[in-house]
Amino acid sequence: MAYELAQAGGISSVIPSGMWWAAVPQEYWDHPEDQRPDQQPDWEPRFGDRAQQLVFIGQQMDKATMRARLDACLHDEELASTDIGKWAELRNPFPVFRMADESA
């Protein structure tokens, strides 16, 4: 399922915006043979059309610094190409998430 983050008036929400074609069985694809999703240039063999985009909109932003900091968060190519089950063995850099009504 593809999701869209909508923000208006300081309130954010995540709403479904459709299915990725990679998640839809091919027998339900109704595209002409030469226009199938898996024949498009942005189709990735492992993940299909699944993608995430991060967009920053603002003024006087330091693009090089922002890109460097984001790139530092990426897995290296070897790890990224392995089975995602291996990712569970990595140290989680985030604090333990607790709901507001949970006791500490």
N, C-alpha and C. Protein backbone atom coordinates (compact mmCIF):
# COMPACT_ATOMS: atom_id res chain seq x y z
N MET A 1 0.84 -1.17 0.00
CA MET A 1 0.00 0.00 0.00
C MET A 1 0.89 1.24 0.00
N ALA A 2 0.64 2.14 -0.87
CA ALA A 2 1.35 3.41 -0.90
C ALA A 2 0.64 4.38 0.02
N TYR A 3 1.39 5.21 0.69
CA TYR A 3 0.82 6.18 1.62
C TYR A 3 1.29 7.58 1.26
N GLU A 4 0.47 8.52 1.63
CA GLU A 4 0.78 9.92 1.40
C GLU A 4 0.66 10.65 2.72
N LEU A 5 1.66 11.49 3.03
CA LEU A 5 1.62 12.28 4.24
C LEU A 5 1.04 13.64 3.88
N ALA A 6 -0.04 13.99 4.51
CA ALA A 6 -0.67 15.28 4.24
C ALA A 6 -0.51 16.15 5.47
N GLN A 7 -0.18 17.41 5.25
CA GLN A 7 -0.02 18.33 6.37
C GLN A 7 -0.75 19.62 6.06
N ALA A 8 -1.59 20.04 6.97
CA ALA A 8 -2.32 21.30 6.82
C ALA A 8 -2.54 21.89 8.21
N GLY A 9 -2.20 23.12 8.35
CA GLY A 9 -2.42 23.79 9.63
C GLY A 9 -1.68 23.17 10.79
N GLY A 10 -0.50 22.60 10.55
CA GLY A 10 0.29 22.01 11.61
C GLY A 10 -0.14 20.60 11.99
N ILE A 11 -1.11 20.03 11.30
CA ILE A 11 -1.57 18.68 11.59
C ILE A 11 -1.11 17.76 10.47
N SER A 12 -0.46 16.67 10.82
CA SER A 12 0.02 15.71 9.83
C SER A 12 -0.84 14.47 9.88
N SER A 13 -0.97 13.82 8.73
CA SER A 13 -1.67 12.54 8.69
C SER A 13 -1.08 11.69 7.58
N VAL A 14 -1.21 10.41 7.70
CA VAL A 14 -0.77 9.48 6.68
C VAL A 14 -2.02 8.80 6.15
N ILE A 15 -2.24 8.91 4.85
CA ILE A 15 -3.45 8.34 4.26
C ILE A 15 -3.07 7.43 3.09
N PRO A 16 -3.81 6.34 2.87
CA PRO A 16 -3.54 5.48 1.73
C PRO A 16 -3.75 6.24 0.43
N SER A 17 -2.85 6.02 -0.53
CA SER A 17 -3.01 6.67 -1.83
C SER A 17 -2.95 5.67 -2.96
N GLY A 18 -3.13 4.39 -2.66
CA GLY A 18 -3.15 3.37 -3.69
C GLY A 18 -2.18 2.25 -3.41
N MET A 19 -2.17 1.28 -4.30
CA MET A 19 -1.28 0.12 -4.15
C MET A 19 -0.07 0.28 -5.05
N TRP A 20 1.06 -0.25 -4.61
CA TRP A 20 2.19 -0.38 -5.50
C TRP A 20 1.88 -1.53 -6.45
N TRP A 21 2.25 -1.40 -7.70
CA TRP A 21 1.99 -2.47 -8.66
C TRP A 21 2.70 -3.75 -8.25
N ALA A 22 3.84 -3.64 -7.59
CA ALA A 22 4.57 -4.83 -7.15
C ALA A 22 3.76 -5.65 -6.15
N ALA A 23 2.78 -5.03 -5.49
CA ALA A 23 1.94 -5.72 -4.51
C ALA A 23 0.65 -6.26 -5.12
N VAL A 24 0.42 -5.99 -6.40
CA VAL A 24 -0.79 -6.44 -7.08
C VAL A 24 -0.44 -7.64 -7.96
N PRO A 25 -1.11 -8.77 -7.80
CA PRO A 25 -0.82 -9.92 -8.66
C PRO A 25 -0.93 -9.54 -10.15
N GLN A 26 0.00 -10.02 -10.96
CA GLN A 26 0.05 -9.62 -12.37
C GLN A 26 -1.23 -9.95 -13.13
N GLU A 27 -1.98 -10.95 -12.69
CA GLU A 27 -3.21 -11.26 -13.42
C GLU A 27 -4.25 -10.13 -13.31
N TYR A 28 -4.03 -9.20 -12.35
CA TYR A 28 -4.94 -8.07 -12.21
C TYR A 28 -4.43 -6.80 -12.90
N TRP A 29 -3.26 -6.87 -13.49
CA TRP A 29 -2.74 -5.72 -14.23
C TRP A 29 -3.53 -5.62 -15.53
N ASP A 30 -4.02 -4.44 -15.84
CA ASP A 30 -4.80 -4.27 -17.07
C ASP A 30 -4.09 -3.34 -18.06
N HIS A 31 -2.76 -3.36 -18.03
CA HIS A 31 -1.96 -2.51 -18.90
C HIS A 31 -1.73 -3.20 -20.25
N PRO A 32 -1.63 -2.42 -21.31
CA PRO A 32 -1.18 -3.03 -22.57
C PRO A 32 0.20 -3.65 -22.37
N GLU A 33 0.49 -4.70 -23.09
CA GLU A 33 1.73 -5.48 -22.89
C GLU A 33 2.98 -4.60 -22.87
N ASP A 34 3.03 -3.58 -23.72
CA ASP A 34 4.23 -2.75 -23.80
C ASP A 34 4.25 -1.62 -22.77
N GLN A 35 3.25 -1.56 -21.87
CA GLN A 35 3.18 -0.51 -20.86
C GLN A 35 3.09 -1.06 -19.45
N ARG A 36 3.44 -2.33 -19.27
CA ARG A 36 3.36 -2.95 -17.94
C ARG A 36 4.31 -2.25 -16.97
N PRO A 37 3.93 -2.16 -15.71
CA PRO A 37 4.79 -1.50 -14.72
C PRO A 37 6.20 -2.08 -14.64
N ASP A 38 6.32 -3.40 -14.78
CA ASP A 38 7.64 -4.02 -14.67
C ASP A 38 8.51 -3.78 -15.90
N GLN A 39 8.02 -3.06 -16.88
CA GLN A 39 8.80 -2.71 -18.06
C GLN A 39 9.19 -1.23 -18.07
N GLN A 40 8.85 -0.53 -16.99
CA GLN A 40 9.17 0.90 -16.89
C GLN A 40 10.59 1.09 -16.38
N PRO A 41 11.24 2.20 -16.73
CA PRO A 41 12.64 2.41 -16.34
C PRO A 41 12.87 2.50 -14.83
N ASP A 42 11.86 2.89 -14.06
CA ASP A 42 12.06 3.00 -12.61
C ASP A 42 11.70 1.72 -11.85
N TRP A 43 11.38 0.64 -12.56
CA TRP A 43 11.08 -0.65 -11.92
C TRP A 43 12.38 -1.26 -11.41
N GLU A 44 12.40 -1.64 -10.15
CA GLU A 44 13.57 -2.22 -9.53
C GLU A 44 13.33 -3.71 -9.37
N PRO A 45 14.28 -4.58 -9.78
CA PRO A 45 14.03 -6.03 -9.76
C PRO A 45 13.60 -6.58 -8.40
N ARG A 46 14.15 -6.09 -7.32
CA ARG A 46 13.84 -6.64 -6.01
C ARG A 46 12.57 -6.01 -5.40
N PHE A 47 12.37 -4.71 -5.61
CA PHE A 47 11.29 -4.00 -4.93
C PHE A 47 10.20 -3.49 -5.86
N GLY A 48 10.34 -3.71 -7.16
CA GLY A 48 9.32 -3.26 -8.10
C GLY A 48 9.21 -1.75 -8.14
N ASP A 49 8.00 -1.25 -8.01
CA ASP A 49 7.78 0.19 -8.05
C ASP A 49 7.70 0.81 -6.65
N ARG A 50 8.02 0.01 -5.64
CA ARG A 50 7.99 0.54 -4.27
C ARG A 50 9.14 1.54 -4.12
N ALA A 51 8.83 2.69 -3.60
CA ALA A 51 9.83 3.74 -3.43
C ALA A 51 9.39 4.69 -2.34
N GLN A 52 10.34 5.40 -1.81
CA GLN A 52 10.04 6.45 -0.85
C GLN A 52 10.73 7.71 -1.34
N GLN A 53 10.09 8.81 -1.12
CA GLN A 53 10.67 10.10 -1.48
C GLN A 53 10.63 11.01 -0.28
N LEU A 54 11.70 11.71 -0.08
CA LEU A 54 11.80 12.67 1.01
C LEU A 54 12.01 14.03 0.35
N VAL A 55 11.12 14.96 0.63
CA VAL A 55 11.17 16.26 -0.04
C VAL A 55 11.32 17.35 1.01
N PHE A 56 12.27 18.23 0.79
CA PHE A 56 12.47 19.39 1.65
C PHE A 56 12.16 20.63 0.85
N ILE A 57 11.33 21.47 1.39
CA ILE A 57 10.99 22.72 0.73
C ILE A 57 11.31 23.85 1.70
N GLY A 58 12.10 24.78 1.25
CA GLY A 58 12.47 25.87 2.14
C GLY A 58 13.38 26.85 1.43
N GLN A 59 13.85 27.81 2.17
CA GLN A 59 14.73 28.84 1.63
C GLN A 59 16.09 28.75 2.29
N GLN A 60 17.12 29.05 1.53
CA GLN A 60 18.49 29.12 2.03
C GLN A 60 18.92 27.85 2.75
N MET A 61 18.52 26.70 2.21
CA MET A 61 18.92 25.43 2.81
C MET A 61 20.28 25.03 2.23
N ASP A 62 21.09 24.40 3.04
CA ASP A 62 22.41 23.94 2.61
C ASP A 62 22.25 22.53 2.06
N LYS A 63 22.02 22.43 0.76
CA LYS A 63 21.75 21.14 0.12
C LYS A 63 22.88 20.14 0.33
N ALA A 64 24.11 20.57 0.20
CA ALA A 64 25.25 19.64 0.33
C ALA A 64 25.32 19.05 1.74
N THR A 65 25.13 19.88 2.75
CA THR A 65 25.18 19.38 4.13
C THR A 65 24.01 18.44 4.41
N MET A 66 22.83 18.82 3.96
CA MET A 66 21.66 17.96 4.18
C MET A 66 21.86 16.61 3.49
N ARG A 67 22.35 16.62 2.25
CA ARG A 67 22.57 15.38 1.52
C ARG A 67 23.62 14.52 2.21
N ALA A 68 24.70 15.14 2.67
CA ALA A 68 25.76 14.39 3.35
C ALA A 68 25.24 13.72 4.61
N ARG A 69 24.44 14.44 5.39
CA ARG A 69 23.90 13.87 6.62
C ARG A 69 22.93 12.73 6.32
N LEU A 70 22.10 12.88 5.31
CA LEU A 70 21.18 11.81 4.93
C LEU A 70 21.92 10.61 4.36
N ASP A 71 22.90 10.86 3.50
CA ASP A 71 23.69 9.77 2.93
C ASP A 71 24.41 8.96 4.01
N ALA A 72 24.81 9.63 5.09
CA ALA A 72 25.50 8.93 6.19
C ALA A 72 24.57 7.94 6.89
N CYS A 73 23.27 8.07 6.70
CA CYS A 73 22.29 7.17 7.32
C CYS A 73 22.06 5.91 6.50
N LEU A 74 22.52 5.87 5.28
CA LEU A 74 22.23 4.74 4.40
C LEU A 74 23.05 3.52 4.74
N HIS A 75 22.47 2.34 4.50
CA HIS A 75 23.24 1.09 4.60
C HIS A 75 24.23 1.04 3.46
N ASP A 76 25.34 0.32 3.68
CA ASP A 76 26.26 0.14 2.57
C ASP A 76 25.64 -0.84 1.57
N GLU A 77 26.16 -0.88 0.36
CA GLU A 77 25.58 -1.70 -0.71
C GLU A 77 25.52 -3.18 -0.35
N GLU A 78 26.55 -3.69 0.32
CA GLU A 78 26.57 -5.11 0.69
C GLU A 78 25.40 -5.45 1.61
N LEU A 79 25.20 -4.65 2.65
CA LEU A 79 24.10 -4.90 3.58
C LEU A 79 22.75 -4.67 2.90
N ALA A 80 22.65 -3.64 2.08
CA ALA A 80 21.38 -3.33 1.42
C ALA A 80 20.95 -4.45 0.48
N SER A 81 21.90 -5.21 -0.06
CA SER A 81 21.55 -6.27 -1.01
C SER A 81 21.33 -7.62 -0.33
N THR A 82 21.52 -7.71 0.98
CA THR A 82 21.30 -8.98 1.68
C THR A 82 19.83 -9.13 2.06
N ASP A 83 19.51 -10.28 2.58
CA ASP A 83 18.16 -10.56 3.06
C ASP A 83 17.83 -9.59 4.20
N ILE A 84 16.65 -8.98 4.16
CA ILE A 84 16.31 -7.98 5.17
C ILE A 84 16.25 -8.56 6.58
N GLY A 85 16.16 -9.86 6.71
CA GLY A 85 16.21 -10.48 8.03
C GLY A 85 17.51 -10.16 8.75
N LYS A 86 18.58 -9.96 8.01
CA LYS A 86 19.88 -9.60 8.59
C LYS A 86 19.84 -8.22 9.22
N TRP A 87 18.96 -7.37 8.73
CA TRP A 87 18.87 -6.01 9.25
C TRP A 87 18.42 -6.01 10.70
N ALA A 88 17.65 -7.02 11.11
CA ALA A 88 17.16 -7.10 12.48
C ALA A 88 18.30 -7.29 13.47
N GLU A 89 19.46 -7.74 12.99
CA GLU A 89 20.61 -7.95 13.86
C GLU A 89 21.36 -6.65 14.15
N LEU A 90 21.01 -5.58 13.44
CA LEU A 90 21.69 -4.30 13.64
C LEU A 90 21.23 -3.63 14.92
N ARG A 91 22.08 -2.81 15.49
CA ARG A 91 21.72 -2.02 16.67
C ARG A 91 20.70 -0.97 16.25
N ASN A 92 19.62 -0.87 16.99
CA ASN A 92 18.60 0.14 16.73
C ASN A 92 19.05 1.45 17.37
N PRO A 93 19.28 2.50 16.58
CA PRO A 93 19.80 3.75 17.16
C PRO A 93 18.73 4.61 17.84
N PHE A 94 17.46 4.19 17.74
CA PHE A 94 16.37 4.99 18.29
C PHE A 94 16.03 4.54 19.71
N PRO A 95 15.55 5.46 20.54
CA PRO A 95 15.12 5.06 21.89
C PRO A 95 13.89 4.17 21.81
N VAL A 96 13.64 3.41 22.86
CA VAL A 96 12.48 2.54 22.91
C VAL A 96 11.23 3.41 22.84
N PHE A 97 10.31 3.05 21.95
CA PHE A 97 9.08 3.82 21.78
C PHE A 97 8.06 3.37 22.80
N ARG A 98 7.50 4.33 23.52
CA ARG A 98 6.44 4.04 24.47
C ARG A 98 5.26 4.97 24.18
N MET A 99 4.08 4.41 24.27
CA MET A 99 2.88 5.23 24.11
C MET A 99 2.75 6.14 25.32
N ALA A 100 2.09 7.27 25.15
CA ALA A 100 1.97 8.25 26.23
C ALA A 100 1.29 7.66 27.47
N ASP A 101 0.37 6.73 27.28
CA ASP A 101 -0.34 6.16 28.44
C ASP A 101 0.35 4.96 29.05
N GLU A 102 1.51 4.56 28.52
CA GLU A 102 2.25 3.43 29.10
C GLU A 102 3.08 3.92 30.28
N SER A 103 3.22 3.08 31.29
CA SER A 103 4.09 3.45 32.40
C SER A 103 5.54 3.22 32.00
N ALA A 104 6.42 4.03 32.48
CA ALA A 104 7.84 3.95 32.10
C ALA A 104 8.56 2.82 32.74
